[in-house]
Amino acid sequence: MQNFIQPYAPTLGYGLYPFAHPTAELGLSRVLDAFFDDSLTPRVRDFAGHLTVKDNGDFEYKVDASGFRPEEVKVDLEGNDIIITANHEEKREHESVTRHFTRRIRVPEHIQKDSIQCDLDKRGHLQITGHGDKITKPKRIPIYRVHEGKSLTQDPAKATENKETPKK
């Protein structure tokens, strides 16, 4: 709470100083909570784009390109990178509007480059998709101690086999 004495008039209460009232902080707190609420977070992330690689090997990249006409958006494939650029210019008598963004994403190695397609819907959401080979599960590589020749890591399947039974 605050260290200063809050003015109080017996007939008016805290009415002369509404911001000094103890409950005035609650109203401001609610406003700040609503402003910084997490519901705004997904909107910000849409502009950055979202890459998803599925178990069957396909990939999908979504980015919000609203505010740009289809002819203002350009998607290029350079090596293993997809480069998305969008430019919009509007000039009027006393004002001008310019919007620009560039995104560069790395295409996963297993994706067939010929299968990459782009779609732009009515709301301006750009979706880039591609097909690839099924992703294989990672293989665990054992680490050996140089001096003893024993493995520091065990394969989970063999972990039960290599357990020593405690001696009584």
N, C-alpha and C. Protein backbone atom coordinates (compact mmCIF):
# COMPACT_ATOMS: atom_id res chain seq x y z
N MET A 1 0.84 -1.18 0.00
CA MET A 1 0.00 0.00 0.00
C MET A 1 0.88 1.23 0.00
N GLN A 2 0.28 2.39 -0.14
CA GLN A 2 1.04 3.63 -0.25
C GLN A 2 1.41 4.15 1.13
N ASN A 3 2.51 4.90 1.21
CA ASN A 3 3.01 5.43 2.47
C ASN A 3 2.42 6.78 2.83
N PHE A 4 1.80 7.46 1.91
CA PHE A 4 1.26 8.78 2.23
C PHE A 4 -0.16 8.68 2.77
N ILE A 5 -0.57 9.71 3.48
CA ILE A 5 -1.90 9.74 4.06
C ILE A 5 -2.89 10.15 2.99
N GLN A 6 -3.93 9.36 2.82
CA GLN A 6 -4.92 9.66 1.80
C GLN A 6 -5.93 10.66 2.36
N PRO A 7 -6.21 11.73 1.64
CA PRO A 7 -7.19 12.70 2.14
C PRO A 7 -8.58 12.09 2.18
N TYR A 8 -9.26 12.36 3.28
CA TYR A 8 -10.59 11.81 3.46
C TYR A 8 -11.47 12.89 4.07
N ALA A 9 -12.56 13.19 3.43
CA ALA A 9 -13.53 14.14 3.98
C ALA A 9 -14.72 13.34 4.48
N PRO A 10 -15.15 13.57 5.75
CA PRO A 10 -16.23 12.76 6.31
C PRO A 10 -17.51 12.78 5.48
N THR A 11 -17.81 13.89 4.84
CA THR A 11 -19.05 13.95 4.06
C THR A 11 -18.85 13.47 2.63
N LEU A 12 -17.63 13.59 2.10
CA LEU A 12 -17.38 13.22 0.71
C LEU A 12 -16.60 11.91 0.56
N GLY A 13 -16.05 11.40 1.65
CA GLY A 13 -15.22 10.20 1.57
C GLY A 13 -13.94 10.50 0.80
N TYR A 14 -13.56 9.63 -0.10
CA TYR A 14 -12.38 9.84 -0.94
C TYR A 14 -12.73 10.57 -2.22
N GLY A 15 -13.94 11.07 -2.32
CA GLY A 15 -14.45 11.65 -3.55
C GLY A 15 -13.64 12.79 -4.11
N LEU A 16 -12.92 13.55 -3.28
CA LEU A 16 -12.13 14.67 -3.78
C LEU A 16 -10.89 14.20 -4.53
N TYR A 17 -10.40 13.03 -4.18
CA TYR A 17 -9.17 12.51 -4.78
C TYR A 17 -9.41 11.08 -5.27
N PRO A 18 -10.04 10.93 -6.41
CA PRO A 18 -10.42 9.57 -6.84
C PRO A 18 -9.24 8.65 -7.10
N PHE A 19 -8.07 9.19 -7.47
CA PHE A 19 -6.93 8.32 -7.76
C PHE A 19 -6.20 7.90 -6.50
N ALA A 20 -6.55 8.53 -5.37
CA ALA A 20 -5.94 8.14 -4.11
C ALA A 20 -6.76 7.06 -3.41
N HIS A 21 -7.91 6.73 -3.96
CA HIS A 21 -8.77 5.72 -3.36
C HIS A 21 -8.09 4.35 -3.46
N PRO A 22 -8.17 3.55 -2.40
CA PRO A 22 -7.48 2.25 -2.43
C PRO A 22 -7.91 1.34 -3.58
N THR A 23 -9.14 1.44 -4.04
CA THR A 23 -9.59 0.55 -5.12
C THR A 23 -9.28 1.12 -6.50
N ALA A 24 -8.73 2.32 -6.58
CA ALA A 24 -8.41 2.91 -7.89
C ALA A 24 -7.35 2.09 -8.61
N GLU A 25 -6.44 1.48 -7.83
CA GLU A 25 -5.40 0.65 -8.44
C GLU A 25 -5.98 -0.55 -9.17
N LEU A 26 -7.07 -1.10 -8.66
CA LEU A 26 -7.66 -2.28 -9.27
C LEU A 26 -8.15 -2.00 -10.68
N GLY A 27 -8.74 -0.84 -10.90
CA GLY A 27 -9.21 -0.49 -12.23
C GLY A 27 -8.06 -0.40 -13.22
N LEU A 28 -6.97 0.24 -12.82
CA LEU A 28 -5.80 0.35 -13.68
C LEU A 28 -5.18 -1.02 -13.92
N SER A 29 -5.17 -1.84 -12.89
CA SER A 29 -4.61 -3.18 -13.04
C SER A 29 -5.40 -3.98 -14.07
N ARG A 30 -6.73 -3.88 -14.03
CA ARG A 30 -7.55 -4.60 -15.00
C ARG A 30 -7.28 -4.13 -16.42
N VAL A 31 -7.12 -2.82 -16.59
CA VAL A 31 -6.85 -2.27 -17.92
C VAL A 31 -5.51 -2.78 -18.43
N LEU A 32 -4.49 -2.76 -17.57
CA LEU A 32 -3.16 -3.24 -17.99
C LEU A 32 -3.18 -4.73 -18.29
N ASP A 33 -3.90 -5.50 -17.46
CA ASP A 33 -4.00 -6.94 -17.72
C ASP A 33 -4.65 -7.22 -19.07
N ALA A 34 -5.70 -6.47 -19.38
CA ALA A 34 -6.38 -6.67 -20.66
C ALA A 34 -5.48 -6.28 -21.82
N PHE A 35 -4.68 -5.23 -21.63
CA PHE A 35 -3.81 -4.77 -22.71
C PHE A 35 -2.70 -5.77 -23.00
N PHE A 36 -2.10 -6.32 -21.94
CA PHE A 36 -0.98 -7.24 -22.11
C PHE A 36 -1.41 -8.70 -22.08
N ASP A 37 -2.68 -8.96 -22.28
CA ASP A 37 -3.21 -10.31 -22.27
C ASP A 37 -2.57 -11.15 -23.36
N ASP A 38 -2.44 -12.45 -23.12
CA ASP A 38 -1.82 -13.36 -24.09
C ASP A 38 -2.64 -13.53 -25.36
N SER A 39 -3.88 -13.06 -25.36
CA SER A 39 -4.69 -13.22 -26.57
C SER A 39 -4.12 -12.42 -27.74
N LEU A 40 -3.26 -11.44 -27.46
CA LEU A 40 -2.63 -10.67 -28.54
C LEU A 40 -1.44 -11.41 -29.14
N THR A 41 -0.87 -12.33 -28.40
CA THR A 41 0.34 -13.01 -28.83
C THR A 41 0.20 -13.74 -30.16
N PRO A 42 -0.86 -14.52 -30.42
CA PRO A 42 -0.94 -15.21 -31.72
C PRO A 42 -0.96 -14.26 -32.91
N ARG A 43 -1.53 -13.09 -32.75
CA ARG A 43 -1.56 -12.14 -33.86
C ARG A 43 -0.15 -11.70 -34.23
N VAL A 44 0.69 -11.49 -33.23
CA VAL A 44 2.06 -11.08 -33.50
C VAL A 44 2.83 -12.21 -34.17
N ARG A 45 2.61 -13.44 -33.72
CA ARG A 45 3.33 -14.58 -34.28
C ARG A 45 2.96 -14.85 -35.73
N ASP A 46 1.73 -14.53 -36.14
CA ASP A 46 1.32 -14.76 -37.52
C ASP A 46 2.19 -14.00 -38.50
N PHE A 47 2.67 -12.82 -38.12
CA PHE A 47 3.50 -12.03 -39.02
C PHE A 47 4.88 -12.67 -39.19
N ALA A 48 5.34 -13.37 -38.19
CA ALA A 48 6.65 -14.00 -38.26
C ALA A 48 6.62 -15.27 -39.09
N GLY A 49 5.48 -15.92 -39.18
CA GLY A 49 5.38 -17.16 -39.93
C GLY A 49 5.52 -18.36 -39.02
N HIS A 50 5.05 -19.50 -39.49
CA HIS A 50 5.07 -20.71 -38.69
C HIS A 50 5.40 -21.91 -39.59
N LEU A 51 6.48 -22.60 -39.29
CA LEU A 51 6.92 -23.76 -40.06
C LEU A 51 6.53 -25.04 -39.32
N THR A 52 5.91 -25.97 -40.04
CA THR A 52 5.53 -27.27 -39.48
C THR A 52 6.05 -28.36 -40.40
N VAL A 53 6.74 -29.33 -39.82
CA VAL A 53 7.18 -30.51 -40.57
C VAL A 53 6.41 -31.70 -40.00
N LYS A 54 5.66 -32.37 -40.85
CA LYS A 54 4.79 -33.46 -40.41
C LYS A 54 5.56 -34.78 -40.40
N ASP A 55 5.00 -35.77 -39.71
CA ASP A 55 5.64 -37.09 -39.61
C ASP A 55 5.81 -37.77 -40.95
N ASN A 56 4.90 -37.51 -41.89
CA ASN A 56 5.00 -38.16 -43.20
C ASN A 56 6.04 -37.48 -44.10
N GLY A 57 6.70 -36.43 -43.61
CA GLY A 57 7.76 -35.77 -44.37
C GLY A 57 7.34 -34.48 -45.03
N ASP A 58 6.04 -34.19 -45.10
CA ASP A 58 5.56 -32.96 -45.72
C ASP A 58 5.87 -31.76 -44.82
N PHE A 59 6.01 -30.59 -45.43
CA PHE A 59 6.20 -29.40 -44.63
C PHE A 59 5.19 -28.35 -45.05
N GLU A 60 4.96 -27.41 -44.14
CA GLU A 60 3.99 -26.35 -44.37
C GLU A 60 4.50 -25.10 -43.67
N TYR A 61 4.50 -23.99 -44.39
CA TYR A 61 4.91 -22.70 -43.81
C TYR A 61 3.78 -21.71 -44.06
N LYS A 62 3.31 -21.08 -42.98
CA LYS A 62 2.23 -20.10 -43.09
C LYS A 62 2.73 -18.75 -42.61
N VAL A 63 2.38 -17.71 -43.38
CA VAL A 63 2.73 -16.35 -42.99
C VAL A 63 1.58 -15.43 -43.38
N ASP A 64 1.37 -14.39 -42.59
CA ASP A 64 0.30 -13.43 -42.85
C ASP A 64 0.81 -12.37 -43.82
N ALA A 65 0.24 -12.32 -45.01
CA ALA A 65 0.62 -11.32 -46.02
C ALA A 65 -0.58 -10.42 -46.33
N SER A 66 -1.45 -10.24 -45.33
CA SER A 66 -2.62 -9.38 -45.56
C SER A 66 -2.14 -7.95 -45.76
N GLY A 67 -2.83 -7.23 -46.58
CA GLY A 67 -2.42 -5.87 -46.92
C GLY A 67 -1.63 -5.82 -48.21
N PHE A 68 -1.35 -6.99 -48.79
CA PHE A 68 -0.61 -7.07 -50.05
C PHE A 68 -1.49 -7.75 -51.08
N ARG A 69 -1.47 -7.25 -52.29
CA ARG A 69 -2.17 -7.91 -53.39
C ARG A 69 -1.30 -9.07 -53.89
N PRO A 70 -1.90 -10.08 -54.52
CA PRO A 70 -1.11 -11.23 -54.98
C PRO A 70 0.05 -10.85 -55.89
N GLU A 71 -0.12 -9.84 -56.73
CA GLU A 71 0.98 -9.44 -57.62
C GLU A 71 2.10 -8.70 -56.87
N GLU A 72 1.88 -8.33 -55.60
CA GLU A 72 2.92 -7.66 -54.81
C GLU A 72 3.75 -8.64 -54.00
N VAL A 73 3.34 -9.90 -53.96
CA VAL A 73 4.05 -10.93 -53.20
C VAL A 73 4.85 -11.78 -54.17
N LYS A 74 6.12 -12.03 -53.82
CA LYS A 74 7.00 -12.82 -54.67
C LYS A 74 7.65 -13.92 -53.82
N VAL A 75 7.64 -15.15 -54.32
CA VAL A 75 8.25 -16.28 -53.62
C VAL A 75 9.28 -16.90 -54.54
N ASP A 76 10.53 -16.96 -54.08
CA ASP A 76 11.63 -17.52 -54.88
C ASP A 76 12.28 -18.67 -54.12
N LEU A 77 12.81 -19.63 -54.86
CA LEU A 77 13.57 -20.73 -54.29
C LEU A 77 15.02 -20.56 -54.74
N GLU A 78 15.90 -20.33 -53.78
CA GLU A 78 17.34 -20.18 -54.07
C GLU A 78 18.08 -21.24 -53.27
N GLY A 79 18.54 -22.27 -53.95
CA GLY A 79 19.22 -23.36 -53.26
C GLY A 79 18.25 -24.07 -52.33
N ASN A 80 18.55 -24.08 -51.04
CA ASN A 80 17.66 -24.69 -50.05
C ASN A 80 16.83 -23.66 -49.30
N ASP A 81 16.80 -22.42 -49.77
CA ASP A 81 16.08 -21.36 -49.09
C ASP A 81 14.89 -20.89 -49.91
N ILE A 82 13.78 -20.66 -49.23
CA ILE A 82 12.62 -20.00 -49.84
C ILE A 82 12.66 -18.56 -49.36
N ILE A 83 12.60 -17.63 -50.30
CA ILE A 83 12.64 -16.20 -49.96
C ILE A 83 11.30 -15.59 -50.36
N ILE A 84 10.62 -15.05 -49.37
CA ILE A 84 9.32 -14.41 -49.59
C ILE A 84 9.52 -12.91 -49.44
N THR A 85 9.16 -12.15 -50.46
CA THR A 85 9.22 -10.69 -50.38
C THR A 85 7.87 -10.12 -50.80
N ALA A 86 7.49 -9.06 -50.14
CA ALA A 86 6.24 -8.38 -50.48
C ALA A 86 6.48 -6.88 -50.39
N ASN A 87 6.08 -6.15 -51.41
CA ASN A 87 6.22 -4.69 -51.46
C ASN A 87 4.87 -4.08 -51.82
N HIS A 88 4.49 -3.04 -51.08
CA HIS A 88 3.25 -2.33 -51.36
C HIS A 88 3.53 -0.83 -51.25
N GLU A 89 3.18 -0.10 -52.28
CA GLU A 89 3.32 1.36 -52.26
C GLU A 89 2.02 1.99 -52.70
N GLU A 90 1.60 2.98 -51.96
CA GLU A 90 0.40 3.74 -52.27
C GLU A 90 0.77 5.21 -52.19
N LYS A 91 0.54 5.95 -53.24
CA LYS A 91 0.86 7.38 -53.22
C LYS A 91 -0.41 8.17 -53.50
N ARG A 92 -0.64 9.15 -52.66
CA ARG A 92 -1.76 10.07 -52.83
C ARG A 92 -1.20 11.48 -52.87
N GLU A 93 -2.08 12.44 -52.96
CA GLU A 93 -1.65 13.83 -53.11
C GLU A 93 -0.78 14.31 -51.94
N HIS A 94 -1.20 14.06 -50.72
CA HIS A 94 -0.47 14.58 -49.56
C HIS A 94 0.06 13.48 -48.64
N GLU A 95 0.00 12.26 -49.07
CA GLU A 95 0.49 11.18 -48.21
C GLU A 95 0.91 9.97 -49.06
N SER A 96 1.68 9.12 -48.42
CA SER A 96 2.06 7.88 -49.09
C SER A 96 2.16 6.77 -48.04
N VAL A 97 1.93 5.55 -48.48
CA VAL A 97 2.00 4.38 -47.61
C VAL A 97 2.94 3.39 -48.26
N THR A 98 3.88 2.86 -47.48
CA THR A 98 4.81 1.86 -47.98
C THR A 98 4.86 0.71 -46.97
N ARG A 99 4.70 -0.51 -47.45
CA ARG A 99 4.83 -1.70 -46.62
C ARG A 99 5.78 -2.65 -47.33
N HIS A 100 6.62 -3.32 -46.55
CA HIS A 100 7.60 -4.24 -47.12
C HIS A 100 7.92 -5.30 -46.07
N PHE A 101 8.03 -6.53 -46.49
CA PHE A 101 8.59 -7.55 -45.60
C PHE A 101 9.30 -8.61 -46.42
N THR A 102 10.28 -9.23 -45.79
CA THR A 102 11.05 -10.31 -46.39
C THR A 102 11.17 -11.42 -45.37
N ARG A 103 10.96 -12.64 -45.78
CA ARG A 103 11.16 -13.81 -44.94
C ARG A 103 12.02 -14.79 -45.71
N ARG A 104 12.95 -15.41 -45.00
CA ARG A 104 13.81 -16.44 -45.59
C ARG A 104 13.70 -17.67 -44.70
N ILE A 105 13.30 -18.78 -45.31
CA ILE A 105 13.20 -20.02 -44.54
C ILE A 105 14.02 -21.10 -45.23
N ARG A 106 14.61 -21.94 -44.45
CA ARG A 106 15.41 -23.06 -44.96
C ARG A 106 14.48 -24.24 -45.22
N VAL A 107 14.52 -24.76 -46.43
CA VAL A 107 13.72 -25.93 -46.79
C VAL A 107 14.41 -27.16 -46.22
N PRO A 108 13.69 -28.01 -45.50
CA PRO A 108 14.32 -29.22 -44.98
C PRO A 108 14.92 -30.06 -46.10
N GLU A 109 16.01 -30.74 -45.80
CA GLU A 109 16.78 -31.50 -46.80
C GLU A 109 15.94 -32.56 -47.52
N HIS A 110 15.01 -33.19 -46.81
CA HIS A 110 14.26 -34.31 -47.38
C HIS A 110 13.12 -33.88 -48.31
N ILE A 111 12.89 -32.60 -48.47
CA ILE A 111 11.77 -32.09 -49.29
C ILE A 111 12.16 -32.10 -50.77
N GLN A 112 11.25 -32.58 -51.61
CA GLN A 112 11.46 -32.55 -53.06
C GLN A 112 11.15 -31.13 -53.54
N LYS A 113 12.14 -30.48 -54.11
CA LYS A 113 12.01 -29.06 -54.50
C LYS A 113 10.90 -28.83 -55.54
N ASP A 114 10.67 -29.82 -56.41
CA ASP A 114 9.63 -29.67 -57.44
C ASP A 114 8.22 -29.71 -56.87
N SER A 115 8.06 -30.18 -55.65
CA SER A 115 6.73 -30.31 -55.06
C SER A 115 6.28 -29.06 -54.31
N ILE A 116 7.12 -28.05 -54.22
CA ILE A 116 6.79 -26.85 -53.44
C ILE A 116 5.73 -26.02 -54.16
N GLN A 117 4.67 -25.67 -53.42
CA GLN A 117 3.57 -24.87 -53.97
C GLN A 117 3.23 -23.74 -53.01
N CYS A 118 2.63 -22.65 -53.55
CA CYS A 118 2.20 -21.51 -52.75
C CYS A 118 0.73 -21.23 -52.99
N ASP A 119 0.01 -20.90 -51.94
CA ASP A 119 -1.39 -20.51 -52.02
C ASP A 119 -1.60 -19.25 -51.19
N LEU A 120 -2.38 -18.32 -51.73
CA LEU A 120 -2.72 -17.09 -51.01
C LEU A 120 -4.24 -17.01 -50.95
N ASP A 121 -4.81 -17.04 -49.73
CA ASP A 121 -6.26 -17.01 -49.62
C ASP A 121 -6.79 -15.57 -49.59
N LYS A 122 -8.12 -15.43 -49.49
CA LYS A 122 -8.76 -14.11 -49.55
C LYS A 122 -8.34 -13.21 -48.40
N ARG A 123 -8.01 -13.80 -47.26
CA ARG A 123 -7.62 -13.02 -46.08
C ARG A 123 -6.15 -12.61 -46.10
N GLY A 124 -5.42 -13.05 -47.11
CA GLY A 124 -4.01 -12.69 -47.23
C GLY A 124 -3.06 -13.62 -46.52
N HIS A 125 -3.49 -14.82 -46.18
CA HIS A 125 -2.61 -15.79 -45.55
C HIS A 125 -1.91 -16.60 -46.63
N LEU A 126 -0.59 -16.52 -46.63
CA LEU A 126 0.23 -17.25 -47.61
C LEU A 126 0.62 -18.59 -47.00
N GLN A 127 0.41 -19.66 -47.75
CA GLN A 127 0.76 -21.00 -47.30
C GLN A 127 1.66 -21.64 -48.34
N ILE A 128 2.83 -22.09 -47.89
CA ILE A 128 3.79 -22.77 -48.76
C ILE A 128 3.87 -24.22 -48.28
N THR A 129 3.69 -25.16 -49.21
CA THR A 129 3.73 -26.57 -48.84
C THR A 129 4.69 -27.32 -49.75
N GLY A 130 5.17 -28.44 -49.26
CA GLY A 130 6.05 -29.29 -50.05
C GLY A 130 6.00 -30.71 -49.53
N HIS A 131 6.26 -31.66 -50.41
CA HIS A 131 6.23 -33.07 -50.04
C HIS A 131 7.66 -33.59 -49.94
N GLY A 132 7.83 -34.51 -49.04
CA GLY A 132 9.16 -35.08 -48.86
C GLY A 132 9.09 -36.53 -48.45
N ASP A 133 10.26 -37.11 -48.29
CA ASP A 133 10.36 -38.49 -47.85
C ASP A 133 10.01 -38.56 -46.37
N LYS A 134 9.56 -39.72 -45.95
CA LYS A 134 9.20 -39.90 -44.55
C LYS A 134 10.43 -39.69 -43.67
N ILE A 135 10.23 -39.00 -42.58
CA ILE A 135 11.34 -38.71 -41.67
C ILE A 135 11.66 -39.95 -40.86
N THR A 136 12.93 -40.32 -40.83
CA THR A 136 13.35 -41.47 -40.04
C THR A 136 13.67 -40.99 -38.63
N LYS A 137 13.48 -41.89 -37.70
CA LYS A 137 13.76 -41.54 -36.30
C LYS A 137 15.27 -41.42 -36.12
N PRO A 138 15.69 -40.54 -35.23
CA PRO A 138 17.14 -40.38 -35.03
C PRO A 138 17.75 -41.64 -34.41
N LYS A 139 18.98 -41.88 -34.78
CA LYS A 139 19.71 -43.05 -34.28
C LYS A 139 20.64 -42.58 -33.18
N ARG A 140 20.64 -43.28 -32.08
CA ARG A 140 21.52 -42.93 -30.98
C ARG A 140 22.90 -43.52 -31.24
N ILE A 141 23.93 -42.72 -31.09
CA ILE A 141 25.30 -43.16 -31.31
C ILE A 141 25.96 -43.30 -29.94
N PRO A 142 26.47 -44.47 -29.62
CA PRO A 142 27.08 -44.65 -28.30
C PRO A 142 28.40 -43.89 -28.17
N ILE A 143 28.69 -43.46 -26.96
CA ILE A 143 29.95 -42.77 -26.66
C ILE A 143 30.77 -43.73 -25.80
N TYR A 144 32.01 -43.96 -26.21
CA TYR A 144 32.87 -44.90 -25.50
C TYR A 144 33.94 -44.15 -24.73
N ARG A 145 34.29 -44.71 -23.57
CA ARG A 145 35.44 -44.18 -22.83
C ARG A 145 36.69 -44.68 -23.53
N VAL A 146 37.64 -43.81 -23.69
CA VAL A 146 38.84 -44.16 -24.43
C VAL A 146 39.66 -45.21 -23.69
N HIS A 147 39.80 -45.08 -22.40
CA HIS A 147 40.70 -45.97 -21.66
C HIS A 147 40.08 -47.33 -21.34
N GLU A 148 38.78 -47.36 -21.08
CA GLU A 148 38.17 -48.59 -20.61
C GLU A 148 37.45 -49.37 -21.71
N GLY A 149 37.12 -48.74 -22.83
CA GLY A 149 36.41 -49.42 -23.91
C GLY A 149 34.96 -49.72 -23.59
N LYS A 150 34.40 -49.05 -22.56
CA LYS A 150 33.00 -49.25 -22.20
C LYS A 150 32.15 -48.10 -22.74
N SER A 151 30.92 -48.42 -23.02
CA SER A 151 29.99 -47.41 -23.53
C SER A 151 29.47 -46.55 -22.37
N LEU A 152 29.47 -45.22 -22.56
CA LEU A 152 28.90 -44.32 -21.56
C LEU A 152 27.39 -44.23 -21.70
N THR A 153 26.89 -44.40 -22.91
CA THR A 153 25.44 -44.36 -23.13
C THR A 153 24.99 -45.74 -23.57
N GLN A 154 23.79 -46.06 -23.19
CA GLN A 154 23.26 -47.38 -23.55
C GLN A 154 22.06 -47.20 -24.45
N ASP A 155 21.88 -48.14 -25.33
CA ASP A 155 20.69 -48.19 -26.16
C ASP A 155 19.53 -48.58 -25.23
N PRO A 156 18.40 -47.83 -25.26
CA PRO A 156 17.30 -48.15 -24.34
C PRO A 156 16.82 -49.60 -24.45
N ALA A 157 16.90 -50.20 -25.63
CA ALA A 157 16.46 -51.59 -25.80
C ALA A 157 17.40 -52.56 -25.09
N LYS A 158 18.69 -52.21 -25.05
CA LYS A 158 19.68 -53.09 -24.45
C LYS A 158 19.94 -52.75 -22.99
N ALA A 159 19.34 -51.67 -22.50
CA ALA A 159 19.61 -51.21 -21.14
C ALA A 159 19.21 -52.27 -20.12
N THR A 160 18.13 -52.98 -20.36
CA THR A 160 17.69 -54.01 -19.41
C THR A 160 18.60 -55.23 -19.47
N GLU A 161 19.18 -55.52 -20.64
CA GLU A 161 20.05 -56.68 -20.79
C GLU A 161 21.37 -56.49 -20.05
N ASN A 162 21.89 -55.26 -20.04
CA ASN A 162 23.22 -55.01 -19.50
C ASN A 162 23.22 -54.73 -18.00
N LYS A 163 22.04 -54.72 -17.37
CA LYS A 163 22.00 -54.45 -15.93
C LYS A 163 22.63 -55.61 -15.18
N GLU A 164 23.48 -55.24 -14.25
CA GLU A 164 24.08 -56.28 -13.42
C GLU A 164 23.17 -56.51 -12.22
N THR A 165 23.01 -57.73 -11.84
CA THR A 165 22.21 -58.03 -10.66
C THR A 165 23.07 -57.79 -9.43
N PRO A 166 22.51 -57.11 -8.43
CA PRO A 166 23.31 -56.84 -7.23
C PRO A 166 23.64 -58.15 -6.50
N LYS A 167 24.88 -58.24 -5.99
CA LYS A 167 25.32 -59.43 -5.27
C LYS A 167 24.88 -59.32 -3.82
N LYS A 168 24.48 -60.46 -3.27
CA LYS A 168 24.00 -60.49 -1.88
C LYS A 168 25.11 -60.77 -0.93
